[in-house]
C-alpha atoms as a PDB file:
ATOM      1  CA  MET A   1      -1.539 -22.476 -16.104  1.00  0.00           C
ATOM      2  CA  VAL A   2      -3.596 -19.354 -16.767  1.00  0.00           C
ATOM      3  CA  VAL A   3      -3.233 -16.619 -14.173  1.00  0.00           C
ATOM      4  CA  ALA A   4      -6.047 -14.130 -14.649  1.00  0.00           C
ATOM      5  CA  GLY A   5      -6.332 -10.981 -12.599  1.00  0.00           C
ATOM      6  CA  LYS A   6      -8.595  -8.025 -12.058  1.00  0.00           C
ATOM      7  CA  MET A   7      -7.815  -4.756 -10.298  1.00  0.00           C
ATOM      8  CA  MET A   8     -10.134  -1.841  -9.657  1.00  0.00           C
ATOM      9  CA  MET A   9      -9.650   1.616  -8.160  1.00  0.00           C
ATOM     10  CA  TYR A  10     -12.069   4.456  -7.612  1.00  0.00           C
ATOM     11  CA  VAL A  11     -11.397   8.163  -7.960  1.00  0.00           C
ATOM     12  CA  PRO A  12     -13.882  10.635  -6.433  1.00  0.00           C
ATOM     13  CA  ILE A  13     -14.888  13.152  -9.114  1.00  0.00           C
ATOM     14  CA  ASN A  14     -16.767  16.441  -9.257  1.00  0.00           C
ATOM     15  CA  ALA A  15     -17.445  16.728 -12.999  1.00  0.00           C
ATOM     16  CA  SER A  16     -20.429  14.894 -14.402  1.00  0.00           C
ATOM     17  CA  GLY A  17     -20.011  11.332 -15.566  1.00  0.00           C
ATOM     18  CA  ALA A  18     -21.244  12.396 -19.000  1.00  0.00           C
ATOM     19  CA  VAL A  19     -18.483  15.005 -19.303  1.00  0.00           C
ATOM     20  CA  LEU A  20     -15.673  12.612 -18.360  1.00  0.00           C
ATOM     21  CA  HIS A  21     -17.096   9.831 -20.504  1.00  0.00           C
ATOM     22  CA  ASP A  22     -17.311  12.192 -23.490  1.00  0.00           C
ATOM     23  CA  ILE A  23     -13.677  13.201 -23.065  1.00  0.00           C
ATOM     24  CA  VAL A  24     -12.394   9.629 -22.733  1.00  0.00           C
ATOM     25  CA  THR A  25     -14.642   8.262 -25.484  1.00  0.00           C
ATOM     26  CA  ASN A  26     -14.965  11.010 -28.084  1.00  0.00           C
ATOM     27  CA  ARG A  27     -12.230  13.543 -27.317  1.00  0.00           C
ATOM     28  CA  PRO A  28      -9.292  11.693 -25.731  1.00  0.00           C
ATOM     29  CA  ASN A  29      -6.883  13.915 -27.646  1.00  0.00           C
ATOM     30  CA  ASP A  30      -8.093  16.763 -25.366  1.00  0.00           C
ATOM     31  CA  ILE A  31      -6.348  15.021 -22.464  1.00  0.00           C
ATOM     32  CA  ALA A  32      -3.006  15.896 -24.067  1.00  0.00           C
ATOM     33  CA  SER A  33      -4.009  19.568 -24.013  1.00  0.00           C
ATOM     34  CA  MET A  34      -5.086  19.346 -20.377  1.00  0.00           C
ATOM     35  CA  LEU A  35      -2.087  17.316 -19.148  1.00  0.00           C
ATOM     36  CA  PRO A  36       0.842  17.910 -21.518  1.00  0.00           C
ATOM     37  CA  ASP A  37       3.382  16.752 -18.928  1.00  0.00           C
ATOM     38  CA  LYS A  38       1.699  13.319 -18.711  1.00  0.00           C
ATOM     39  CA  VAL A  39      -0.040  12.729 -22.050  1.00  0.00           C
ATOM     40  CA  HIS A  40       1.660  13.964 -25.220  1.00  0.00           C
ATOM     41  CA  SER A  41      -0.824  12.865 -27.859  1.00  0.00           C
ATOM     42  CA  CYS A  42      -3.726  10.585 -28.613  1.00  0.00           C
ATOM     43  CA  GLU A  43      -4.205   9.710 -32.249  1.00  0.00           C
ATOM     44  CA  LEU A  44      -6.985   7.880 -34.022  1.00  0.00           C
ATOM     45  CA  VAL A  45      -5.293   5.130 -36.062  1.00  0.00           C
ATOM     46  CA  GLU A  46      -8.377   3.418 -37.434  1.00  0.00           C
ATOM     47  CA  GLY A  47     -12.148   3.956 -37.298  1.00  0.00           C
ATOM     48  CA  GLN A  48     -13.973   6.856 -35.646  1.00  0.00           C
ATOM     49  CA  TRP A  49     -13.668   8.390 -32.192  1.00  0.00           C
ATOM     50  CA  GLY A  50     -15.913   6.602 -29.710  1.00  0.00           C
ATOM     51  CA  GLN A  51     -16.823   3.721 -32.026  1.00  0.00           C
ATOM     52  CA  VAL A  52     -16.339   0.037 -31.222  1.00  0.00           C
ATOM     53  CA  GLY A  53     -13.460  -1.393 -33.252  1.00  0.00           C
ATOM     54  CA  SER A  54     -11.591   1.900 -33.512  1.00  0.00           C
ATOM     55  CA  VAL A  55      -7.863   1.845 -32.746  1.00  0.00           C
ATOM     56  CA  ILE A  56      -6.224   4.611 -30.727  1.00  0.00           C
ATOM     57  CA  CYS A  57      -2.539   5.267 -30.077  1.00  0.00           C
ATOM     58  CA  TRP A  58      -1.481   7.131 -26.909  1.00  0.00           C
ATOM     59  CA  ASN A  59       1.932   8.744 -26.379  1.00  0.00           C
ATOM     60  CA  PHE A  60       2.646   9.548 -22.743  1.00  0.00           C
ATOM     61  CA  THR A  61       5.259   9.725 -20.014  1.00  0.00           C
ATOM     62  CA  TYR A  62       5.089   7.018 -17.375  1.00  0.00           C
ATOM     63  CA  ASP A  63       7.690   6.490 -14.668  1.00  0.00           C
ATOM     64  CA  GLY A  64       9.948   9.068 -16.335  1.00  0.00           C
ATOM     65  CA  LYS A  65       9.927   7.255 -19.711  1.00  0.00           C
ATOM     66  CA  ARG A  66       8.137   7.963 -22.977  1.00  0.00           C
ATOM     67  CA  GLU A  67       5.630   5.200 -23.669  1.00  0.00           C
ATOM     68  CA  VAL A  68       3.244   4.261 -26.464  1.00  0.00           C
ATOM     69  CA  ILE A  69       0.122   2.171 -26.106  1.00  0.00           C
ATOM     70  CA  ARG A  70      -2.154   1.039 -28.928  1.00  0.00           C
ATOM     71  CA  GLN A  71      -5.637  -0.005 -27.931  1.00  0.00           C
ATOM     72  CA  GLN A  72      -8.891  -0.931 -29.580  1.00  0.00           C
ATOM     73  CA  ILE A  73     -12.295   0.161 -28.318  1.00  0.00           C
ATOM     74  CA  GLU A  74     -14.147  -3.012 -27.408  1.00  0.00           C
ATOM     75  CA  GLU A  75     -17.309  -1.614 -25.814  1.00  0.00           C
ATOM     76  CA  VAL A  76     -19.022   1.742 -25.342  1.00  0.00           C
ATOM     77  CA  ASN A  77     -22.001   2.136 -23.025  1.00  0.00           C
ATOM     78  CA  MET A  78     -23.268   5.716 -22.951  1.00  0.00           C
ATOM     79  CA  GLU A  79     -25.901   5.048 -20.294  1.00  0.00           C
ATOM     80  CA  ASN A  80     -23.368   3.721 -17.773  1.00  0.00           C
ATOM     81  CA  HIS A  81     -20.591   6.085 -18.923  1.00  0.00           C
ATOM     82  CA  LYS A  82     -18.424   3.059 -19.702  1.00  0.00           C
ATOM     83  CA  ILE A  83     -15.715   2.357 -22.265  1.00  0.00           C
ATOM     84  CA  VAL A  84     -13.579  -0.770 -22.590  1.00  0.00           C
ATOM     85  CA  PHE A  85     -10.171  -0.705 -24.278  1.00  0.00           C
ATOM     86  CA  ASN A  86      -8.325  -3.843 -25.329  1.00  0.00           C
ATOM     87  CA  VAL A  87      -4.568  -3.192 -25.307  1.00  0.00           C
ATOM     88  CA  LEU A  88      -3.083  -4.337 -28.614  1.00  0.00           C
ATOM     89  CA  GLU A  89       0.523  -3.436 -27.922  1.00  0.00           C
ATOM     90  CA  ALA A  90       2.547  -1.585 -25.334  1.00  0.00           C
ATOM     91  CA  ARG A  91       5.976  -2.058 -23.877  1.00  0.00           C
ATOM     92  CA  LEU A  92       4.353  -1.784 -20.430  1.00  0.00           C
ATOM     93  CA  VAL A  93       2.447  -5.035 -20.908  1.00  0.00           C
ATOM     94  CA  ASP A  94       4.360  -6.948 -23.599  1.00  0.00           C
ATOM     95  CA  ASN A  95       5.894 -10.210 -22.307  1.00  0.00           C
ATOM     96  CA  ILE A  96       4.146  -9.719 -18.944  1.00  0.00           C
ATOM     97  CA  TYR A  97       0.490 -10.175 -19.859  1.00  0.00           C
ATOM     98  CA  LYS A  98      -1.164 -12.318 -22.520  1.00  0.00           C
ATOM     99  CA  SER A  99      -4.146  -9.987 -22.552  1.00  0.00           C
ATOM    100  CA  PHE A 100      -4.853  -6.623 -20.954  1.00  0.00           C
ATOM    101  CA  LYS A 101      -8.051  -4.557 -20.858  1.00  0.00           C
ATOM    102  CA  ILE A 102      -8.629  -1.102 -19.412  1.00  0.00           C
ATOM    103  CA  ILE A 103     -12.191  -0.277 -18.390  1.00  0.00           C
ATOM    104  CA  PHE A 104     -13.363   3.188 -17.408  1.00  0.00           C
ATOM    105  CA  HIS A 105     -16.806   3.989 -16.070  1.00  0.00           C
ATOM    106  CA  VAL A 106     -18.532   6.365 -13.674  1.00  0.00           C
ATOM    107  CA  GLU A 107     -20.631   5.205 -10.731  1.00  0.00           C
ATOM    108  CA  PRO A 108     -22.975   7.276  -8.597  1.00  0.00           C
ATOM    109  CA  LYS A 109     -22.135   7.602  -4.913  1.00  0.00           C
ATOM    110  CA  SER A 110     -24.378   8.919  -2.141  1.00  0.00           C
ATOM    111  CA  ASP A 111     -22.417  12.170  -1.920  1.00  0.00           C
ATOM    112  CA  GLY A 112     -21.102  12.442  -5.476  1.00  0.00           C
ATOM    113  CA  LYS A 113     -19.618  10.285  -8.205  1.00  0.00           C
ATOM    114  CA  LEU A 114     -16.733   7.874  -8.601  1.00  0.00           C
ATOM    115  CA  ALA A 115     -14.628   7.246 -11.685  1.00  0.00           C
ATOM    116  CA  ALA A 116     -13.804   3.546 -11.711  1.00  0.00           C
ATOM    117  CA  VAL A 117     -10.705   2.267 -13.463  1.00  0.00           C
ATOM    118  CA  THR A 118     -10.516  -1.500 -13.900  1.00  0.00           C
ATOM    119  CA  PHE A 119      -7.748  -3.661 -15.332  1.00  0.00           C
ATOM    120  CA  GLU A 120      -8.527  -7.180 -16.492  1.00  0.00           C
ATOM    121  CA  PHE A 121      -5.468  -9.165 -17.467  1.00  0.00           C
ATOM    122  CA  GLU A 122      -3.953 -12.566 -17.956  1.00  0.00           C
ATOM    123  CA  LYS A 123      -0.374 -12.954 -16.776  1.00  0.00           C
ATOM    124  CA  VAL A 124       2.221 -14.842 -18.812  1.00  0.00           C
ATOM    125  CA  ASN A 125       3.160 -16.668 -15.608  1.00  0.00           C
ATOM    126  CA  PRO A 126       2.376 -16.346 -11.882  1.00  0.00           C
ATOM    127  CA  ARG A 127       5.653 -14.550 -11.086  1.00  0.00           C
ATOM    128  CA  MET A 128       4.799 -11.541 -13.213  1.00  0.00           C
ATOM    129  CA  PRO A 129       3.916  -8.376 -11.279  1.00  0.00           C
ATOM    130  CA  TYR A 130       0.510  -6.845 -10.827  1.00  0.00           C
ATOM    131  CA  PRO A 131       0.129  -3.511 -12.676  1.00  0.00           C
ATOM    132  CA  THR A 132      -0.344  -1.424  -9.515  1.00  0.00           C
ATOM    133  CA  ALA A 133       1.925   1.472 -10.507  1.00  0.00           C
ATOM    134  CA  PHE A 134       0.219   1.805 -13.899  1.00  0.00           C
ATOM    135  CA  MET A 135      -3.168   1.757 -12.133  1.00  0.00           C
ATOM    136  CA  ASP A 136      -1.996   4.590  -9.860  1.00  0.00           C
ATOM    137  CA  TYR A 137      -0.830   6.524 -12.924  1.00  0.00           C
ATOM    138  CA  LEU A 138      -4.183   6.200 -14.742  1.00  0.00           C
ATOM    139  CA  CYS A 139      -6.155   7.140 -11.625  1.00  0.00           C
ATOM    140  CA  ASP A 140      -3.963  10.230 -11.289  1.00  0.00           C
ATOM    141  CA  VAL A 141      -4.652  11.102 -14.940  1.00  0.00           C
ATOM    142  CA  PHE A 142      -8.423  10.801 -14.412  1.00  0.00           C
ATOM    143  CA  LYS A 143      -8.238  12.853 -11.223  1.00  0.00           C
ATOM    144  CA  SER A 144      -6.347  15.574 -13.097  1.00  0.00           C
ATOM    145  CA  VAL A 145      -8.834  15.530 -15.998  1.00  0.00           C
ATOM    146  CA  ASP A 146     -11.646  15.893 -13.475  1.00  0.00           C
ATOM    147  CA  GLU A 147      -9.890  18.859 -11.842  1.00  0.00           C
ATOM    148  CA  CYS A 148      -9.413  20.535 -15.234  1.00  0.00           C
ATOM    149  CA  ASN A 149     -13.125  20.159 -15.993  1.00  0.00           C
ATOM    150  CA  THR A 150     -14.292  21.178 -12.530  1.00  0.00           C
ATOM    151  CA  ASN A 151     -12.214  24.370 -12.490  1.00  0.00           C
ATOM    152  CA  LYS A 152     -13.690  25.701 -15.761  1.00  0.00           C
END
């Protein structure tokens, strides 16, 4: 039995959607400079920054542990400030999910903007947990990146 899931959270932001999208898409290694206690490095393994098919490797601290996640860019939509990452390997998702995607985009709101973080995943079995803590972590990262770019 396939158990597919989707989770989405919104983070109110002050920086422009174009600025955040540029950082996540073309300059993700800058996040390590902004948040060295959370993100240690982001390396381009294959391809070019911001290009579909490119593979990126993140080194970060999550829940007090050093983690590594390798992901491939699946889609980039400049107009909607959207990027889709397909997780290729990560201890956080291995043996829990058959597939795992991370989607980031910015939506307008009547009084500002919202950064939307979406997870799309397929669980190995129904008893596996939902990735709520990892979602909270990523939303906190995006909130911190927004604060760094708003306070400039």
